[in-house]
């Protein structure tokens, strides 16, 4: 998901609580909970290009601001220092 979003792609995935903690649903990423909702949302976003682009752009912005390798490595190093 991070690779898709970081490259500016529109991400639609099954609901995952961990993903929902990282991204704002229907603003930065689209999630579905049932096969019926997948079909419904896919049809909706295929016919609403501007909204799809807005979500993709917001997701990309979030990934590039919050989830870079540099930031993740910094958090890892802070964790390592705290546990020693």
C-alpha atoms as a PDB file:
ATOM      1  CA  UNK A   1       0.000   0.000   0.000  1.00  0.00           C
ATOM      2  CA  UNK A   2       2.785   2.439   0.898  1.00  0.00           C
ATOM      3  CA  UNK A   3       4.459   1.913  -2.495  1.00  0.00           C
ATOM      4  CA  UNK A   4       1.228   2.478  -4.401  1.00  0.00           C
ATOM      5  CA  UNK A   5       0.307   5.548  -2.403  1.00  0.00           C
ATOM      6  CA  UNK A   6       3.841   6.944  -2.421  1.00  0.00           C
ATOM      7  CA  UNK A   7       3.859   6.752  -6.207  1.00  0.00           C
ATOM      8  CA  UNK A   8       0.569   8.674  -6.360  1.00  0.00           C
ATOM      9  CA  UNK A   9      -1.703   5.727  -7.015  1.00  0.00           C
ATOM     10  CA  UNK A  10      -5.274   5.430  -5.815  1.00  0.00           C
ATOM     11  CA  UNK A  11      -5.384   2.776  -3.083  1.00  0.00           C
ATOM     12  CA  UNK A  12      -8.504   0.748  -2.375  1.00  0.00           C
ATOM     13  CA  UNK A  13      -8.109  -2.210  -0.044  1.00  0.00           C
ATOM     14  CA  UNK A  14     -10.022  -4.424   2.330  1.00  0.00           C
ATOM     15  CA  UNK A  15     -10.539  -2.936   5.781  1.00  0.00           C
ATOM     16  CA  UNK A  16      -7.664  -3.440   8.174  1.00  0.00           C
ATOM     17  CA  UNK A  17      -7.652  -1.809  11.629  1.00  0.00           C
ATOM     18  CA  UNK A  18      -3.911  -1.120  11.426  1.00  0.00           C
ATOM     19  CA  UNK A  19      -4.285   0.652   8.079  1.00  0.00           C
ATOM     20  CA  UNK A  20      -7.254   2.604   9.426  1.00  0.00           C
ATOM     21  CA  UNK A  21      -5.005   3.886  12.230  1.00  0.00           C
ATOM     22  CA  UNK A  22      -2.486   5.225   9.704  1.00  0.00           C
ATOM     23  CA  UNK A  23      -4.751   6.714   7.042  1.00  0.00           C
ATOM     24  CA  UNK A  24      -8.015   8.616   7.054  1.00  0.00           C
ATOM     25  CA  UNK A  25     -10.610   6.449   5.349  1.00  0.00           C
ATOM     26  CA  UNK A  26     -12.191   7.894   2.195  1.00  0.00           C
ATOM     27  CA  UNK A  27      -9.820  10.879   2.391  1.00  0.00           C
ATOM     28  CA  UNK A  28      -6.389   9.279   1.952  1.00  0.00           C
ATOM     29  CA  UNK A  29      -7.336   5.668   1.221  1.00  0.00           C
ATOM     30  CA  UNK A  30     -10.532   3.778   0.391  1.00  0.00           C
ATOM     31  CA  UNK A  31     -11.400   0.597   2.272  1.00  0.00           C
ATOM     32  CA  UNK A  32     -14.203  -1.890   1.900  1.00  0.00           C
ATOM     33  CA  UNK A  33     -15.580  -4.457   4.321  1.00  0.00           C
ATOM     34  CA  UNK A  34     -17.626  -6.731   2.047  1.00  0.00           C
ATOM     35  CA  UNK A  35     -17.435  -7.884  -1.567  1.00  0.00           C
ATOM     36  CA  UNK A  36     -20.595  -5.887  -2.249  1.00  0.00           C
ATOM     37  CA  UNK A  37     -18.989  -2.705  -0.935  1.00  0.00           C
ATOM     38  CA  UNK A  38     -15.937  -3.380  -3.099  1.00  0.00           C
ATOM     39  CA  UNK A  39     -18.085  -3.501  -6.216  1.00  0.00           C
ATOM     40  CA  UNK A  40     -20.056  -0.432  -5.135  1.00  0.00           C
ATOM     41  CA  UNK A  41     -16.979   1.653  -4.313  1.00  0.00           C
ATOM     42  CA  UNK A  42     -15.065   0.534  -7.406  1.00  0.00           C
ATOM     43  CA  UNK A  43     -17.955   1.628  -9.610  1.00  0.00           C
ATOM     44  CA  UNK A  44     -18.270   4.918  -7.776  1.00  0.00           C
ATOM     45  CA  UNK A  45     -14.603   5.876  -8.001  1.00  0.00           C
ATOM     46  CA  UNK A  46     -14.322   4.764 -11.623  1.00  0.00           C
ATOM     47  CA  UNK A  47     -16.984   7.316 -12.479  1.00  0.00           C
ATOM     48  CA  UNK A  48     -15.699  10.076 -10.153  1.00  0.00           C
ATOM     49  CA  UNK A  49     -12.205  10.793 -11.459  1.00  0.00           C
ATOM     50  CA  UNK A  50     -11.664  14.084  -9.601  1.00  0.00           C
ATOM     51  CA  UNK A  51     -12.534  12.545  -6.244  1.00  0.00           C
ATOM     52  CA  UNK A  52     -10.320   9.547  -6.988  1.00  0.00           C
ATOM     53  CA  UNK A  53      -7.441  11.896  -7.841  1.00  0.00           C
ATOM     54  CA  UNK A  54      -8.022  13.959  -4.690  1.00  0.00           C
ATOM     55  CA  UNK A  55      -7.799  10.826  -2.521  1.00  0.00           C
ATOM     56  CA  UNK A  56      -4.709   9.589  -4.368  1.00  0.00           C
ATOM     57  CA  UNK A  57      -3.007  12.981  -3.922  1.00  0.00           C
ATOM     58  CA  UNK A  58      -3.867  13.128  -0.221  1.00  0.00           C
ATOM     59  CA  UNK A  59      -2.574   9.591   0.291  1.00  0.00           C
ATOM     60  CA  UNK A  60       0.661  10.378  -1.517  1.00  0.00           C
ATOM     61  CA  UNK A  61       1.172  13.518   0.540  1.00  0.00           C
ATOM     62  CA  UNK A  62       0.671  11.578   3.790  1.00  0.00           C
ATOM     63  CA  UNK A  63       3.090   8.814   2.791  1.00  0.00           C
ATOM     64  CA  UNK A  64       5.784  11.240   1.652  1.00  0.00           C
ATOM     65  CA  UNK A  65       5.447  13.300   4.849  1.00  0.00           C
ATOM     66  CA  UNK A  66       5.037  10.558   7.445  1.00  0.00           C
ATOM     67  CA  UNK A  67       6.407   7.253   6.175  1.00  0.00           C
ATOM     68  CA  UNK A  68       9.797   7.908   4.609  1.00  0.00           C
ATOM     69  CA  UNK A  69      12.641   5.492   5.281  1.00  0.00           C
ATOM     70  CA  UNK A  70      14.432   8.273   7.118  1.00  0.00           C
ATOM     71  CA  UNK A  71      11.536   8.819   9.533  1.00  0.00           C
ATOM     72  CA  UNK A  72      10.973   5.094  10.053  1.00  0.00           C
ATOM     73  CA  UNK A  73      14.686   4.536  10.749  1.00  0.00           C
ATOM     74  CA  UNK A  74      14.721   7.441  13.200  1.00  0.00           C
ATOM     75  CA  UNK A  75      11.773   5.927  15.100  1.00  0.00           C
ATOM     76  CA  UNK A  76      13.490   2.542  15.121  1.00  0.00           C
ATOM     77  CA  UNK A  77      16.705   4.033  16.492  1.00  0.00           C
ATOM     78  CA  UNK A  78      14.770   5.892  19.200  1.00  0.00           C
ATOM     79  CA  UNK A  79      13.093   2.632  20.187  1.00  0.00           C
ATOM     80  CA  UNK A  80      16.440   0.821  20.298  1.00  0.00           C
ATOM     81  CA  UNK A  81      17.936   3.545  22.513  1.00  0.00           C
ATOM     82  CA  UNK A  82      14.961   3.404  24.885  1.00  0.00           C
ATOM     83  CA  UNK A  83      15.168  -0.365  25.298  1.00  0.00           C
ATOM     84  CA  UNK A  84      18.885  -0.348  26.164  1.00  0.00           C
END
